[in-house]
Protein backbone atom coordinates (compact mmCIF):
# COMPACT_ATOMS: atom_id res chain seq x y z
CA MET A 1 -2.36 11.53 34.55
CA GLY A 2 -6.06 10.77 34.10
CA PHE A 3 -6.15 7.09 33.17
CA LEU A 4 -3.22 6.19 35.41
CA ALA A 5 -4.72 7.99 38.42
CA ASN A 6 -6.85 4.86 38.98
CA LYS A 7 -4.56 2.49 40.93
CA LYS A 8 -6.09 -0.70 39.53
CA LYS A 9 -5.78 0.52 35.94
CA SER A 10 -2.33 1.89 36.67
CA LYS A 11 -1.10 -1.48 37.96
CA ALA A 12 -2.50 -3.30 34.93
CA PHE A 13 -0.84 -0.82 32.58
CA LEU A 14 2.49 -1.06 34.41
CA VAL A 15 2.39 -4.87 34.20
CA VAL A 16 1.69 -4.72 30.45
CA PHE A 17 4.41 -2.10 29.93
CA GLY A 18 6.85 -4.07 32.10
CA VAL A 19 6.23 -7.28 30.15
CA TYR A 20 6.71 -5.34 26.90
CA LEU A 21 10.04 -3.92 28.13
CA ALA A 22 11.19 -7.38 29.26
CA LEU A 23 10.29 -8.81 25.85
CA LEU A 24 12.09 -5.90 24.17
CA VAL A 25 15.27 -6.60 26.16
CA TRP A 26 14.98 -10.34 25.47
CA CYS A 27 14.49 -9.64 21.76
CA ILE A 28 17.17 -7.00 21.20
CA LEU A 29 19.90 -7.97 23.64
CA PHE A 30 19.38 -11.71 24.03
CA LYS A 31 17.95 -12.53 20.58
CA PHE A 32 15.22 -14.69 22.19
CA SER A 33 17.90 -17.06 23.51
CA LEU A 34 16.90 -19.46 26.26
CA ARG A 35 20.47 -20.17 27.38
CA PRO A 36 23.48 -17.82 27.64
CA GLU A 37 25.55 -19.93 25.23
CA GLU A 38 22.95 -19.29 22.50
CA ILE A 39 23.62 -15.54 22.53
CA PRO A 40 25.82 -14.65 19.55
CA HIS A 41 29.21 -13.21 20.43
CA LEU A 42 29.97 -10.57 17.86
CA ARG A 43 30.87 -6.94 17.92
CA GLY A 44 30.32 -4.67 14.98
CA ILE A 45 29.40 -1.08 14.43
CA ASN A 46 27.80 0.73 11.52
CA LEU A 47 27.55 4.50 11.65
CA ILE A 48 26.34 4.93 8.06
CA PRO A 49 22.52 4.90 7.94
CA TYR A 50 20.95 2.31 5.65
CA ALA A 51 24.31 0.96 4.51
CA ALA A 52 25.40 -2.66 4.73
CA SER A 53 23.17 -3.53 7.67
CA VAL A 54 20.00 -3.67 5.61
CA VAL A 55 21.55 -4.83 2.33
CA VAL A 56 21.72 -8.58 1.76
CA ASN A 57 22.89 -9.96 -1.58
CA GLY A 58 22.72 -6.46 -3.03
CA LYS A 59 19.06 -5.98 -2.06
CA VAL A 60 17.64 -3.73 0.65
CA GLN A 61 15.92 -5.78 3.35
CA ILE A 62 12.75 -3.75 3.90
CA SER A 63 11.52 -6.42 6.33
CA GLU A 64 14.31 -5.59 8.82
CA ILE A 65 13.43 -1.89 8.65
CA ILE A 66 9.73 -2.64 9.23
CA GLU A 67 10.49 -5.09 12.06
CA ASN A 68 12.64 -2.50 13.84
CA MET A 69 9.83 0.03 13.55
CA LEU A 70 7.20 -2.44 14.74
CA VAL A 71 9.18 -3.49 17.81
CA PHE A 72 9.34 0.13 19.06
CA LEU A 73 5.81 1.20 18.04
CA PRO A 74 4.37 -0.04 21.37
CA PHE A 75 7.01 2.01 23.20
CA GLY A 76 5.64 5.18 21.60
CA LEU A 77 2.09 4.18 22.54
CA CYS A 78 2.96 3.25 26.12
CA ILE A 79 5.19 6.19 26.86
CA SER A 80 2.45 8.49 25.55
CA ALA A 81 -0.13 6.82 27.79
CA PHE A 82 2.25 7.03 30.74
CA TYR A 83 3.25 10.66 30.12
CA PRO A 84 0.30 12.12 28.17
CA ASP A 85 1.17 15.71 29.07
CA SER A 86 4.85 15.52 28.15
CA GLU A 87 6.17 17.25 25.06
CA ILE A 88 6.26 15.01 21.99
CA GLN A 89 9.95 15.73 21.42
CA ASN A 90 10.69 14.46 24.95
CA ARG A 91 8.92 11.18 24.17
CA ILE A 92 10.90 10.88 20.94
CA LEU A 93 14.12 11.64 22.80
CA LEU A 94 13.30 8.94 25.37
CA ALA A 95 12.71 6.38 22.59
CA SER A 96 15.93 7.37 20.82
CA GLY A 97 17.82 7.16 24.10
CA LEU A 98 16.49 3.67 24.84
CA SER A 99 17.37 2.49 21.34
CA LEU A 100 20.86 4.00 21.62
CA PHE A 101 21.24 2.31 25.02
CA PHE A 102 20.46 -1.07 23.41
CA GLU A 103 22.96 -0.48 20.59
CA VAL A 104 25.75 0.62 22.95
CA THR A 105 25.03 -2.33 25.26
CA GLN A 106 25.28 -4.75 22.32
CA TYR A 107 28.64 -3.25 21.42
CA ILE A 108 30.07 -3.21 24.95
CA PHE A 109 29.12 -6.83 25.68
CA ALA A 110 29.76 -8.07 22.10
CA ILE A 111 26.24 -9.48 21.78
CA GLY A 112 25.30 -7.96 18.45
CA ALA A 113 26.09 -5.47 15.77
CA SER A 114 25.50 -1.86 16.77
CA ASP A 115 23.84 0.03 13.96
CA ILE A 116 22.70 3.62 13.57
CA THR A 117 20.03 2.34 11.18
CA ASP A 118 18.43 0.46 14.07
CA VAL A 119 18.37 3.62 16.19
CA ILE A 120 16.70 5.54 13.35
CA ASP A 121 14.15 2.81 12.62
CA ASN A 122 13.36 2.20 16.29
CA THR A 123 12.84 5.94 16.78
CA LEU A 124 10.57 6.09 13.73
CA GLY A 125 8.56 3.20 15.16
CA ALA A 126 8.15 5.07 18.44
CA VAL A 127 7.10 8.20 16.53
CA ILE A 128 4.44 6.15 14.74
CA GLY A 129 3.30 4.86 18.16
CA ILE A 130 3.13 8.42 19.52
CA LEU A 131 1.10 9.57 16.50
CA LEU A 132 -1.15 6.53 16.83
CA TYR A 133 -1.72 7.42 20.49
CA LEU A 134 -2.65 10.99 19.54
CA GLY A 135 -5.14 9.65 16.97
CA MET A 136 -6.59 7.18 19.45
CA LYS A 137 -6.89 9.95 22.06
CA LYS A 138 -9.00 12.01 19.64
CA ILE A 139 -11.32 9.08 19.01
CA TRP A 140 -11.54 7.34 22.39
CA LYS A 141 -10.57 10.19 24.73
CA GLU A 142 -10.20 8.88 28.31
CA LYS A 143 -10.66 5.25 27.22
CA THR A 144 -7.39 5.31 25.26
CA GLY A 145 -5.22 4.10 28.15
CA LYS A 146 -7.60 1.24 28.90
CA ILE A 147 -7.66 0.23 25.23
CA ILE A 148 -3.85 0.29 25.05
CA THR A 149 -3.63 -1.83 28.22
CA ILE A 150 -6.12 -4.43 26.98
CA LEU A 151 -4.70 -4.54 23.45
CA GLY A 152 -1.17 -4.79 24.84
CA ALA A 153 -2.10 -7.63 27.18
CA VAL A 154 -3.84 -9.59 24.41
CA LEU A 155 -0.94 -9.11 21.98
CA GLU A 156 1.60 -10.10 24.63
CA VAL A 157 -0.29 -13.30 25.46
CA LEU A 158 -0.56 -14.17 21.76
CA PHE A 159 3.13 -13.40 21.19
CA LEU A 160 4.23 -15.47 24.19
CA ALA A 161 2.01 -18.35 23.04
CA LEU A 162 3.56 -18.16 19.57
CA LEU A 163 7.05 -18.19 21.09
CA PHE A 164 6.16 -21.13 23.32
CA PHE A 165 4.82 -23.18 20.42
CA THR A 166 7.77 -22.24 18.22
CA PHE A 167 10.26 -23.27 20.90
CA ALA A 168 8.30 -26.44 21.67
CA ALA A 169 8.03 -27.40 18.00
CA ASN A 170 11.79 -26.99 17.64
CA GLY A 171 12.56 -29.00 20.78
CA MET A 172 14.16 -26.03 22.52
CA PHE A 173 12.87 -26.82 26.02
């Protein structure tokens, strides 16, 4: 495992990855809700890629596609750092499986619309993260894991600060 063989670095990475996964669950399943009653209760399913789910007022919402890719890009980076010797298709399959798990969970518990478009976009985001990891590995070699850990920690702190100020400004505490 190289980078993760160092226990101190490994713990830091696992904390960053764990916080990312917690934020991912909070984002996708709980829609950043602070109280259970804020979680929307709806059940829908779309099995036609890029159909109604990304079309609003007759226009394709590119922002939703990009957001879905961006939210899973770190997963591709982290899973590549965690399993650097695994086959790329296995990493992609893991990302697709996680995304599918989220969509099925939303459907079962009626906490969101399940959409094949989300699975596709999330998987594409993870693929971009995997490719980014491969590019970083060529440039920074053994420092790649450390860079991902530091960058992830900084971005998580900034994101949590932004959420805090957004919630505070809207009187949500």
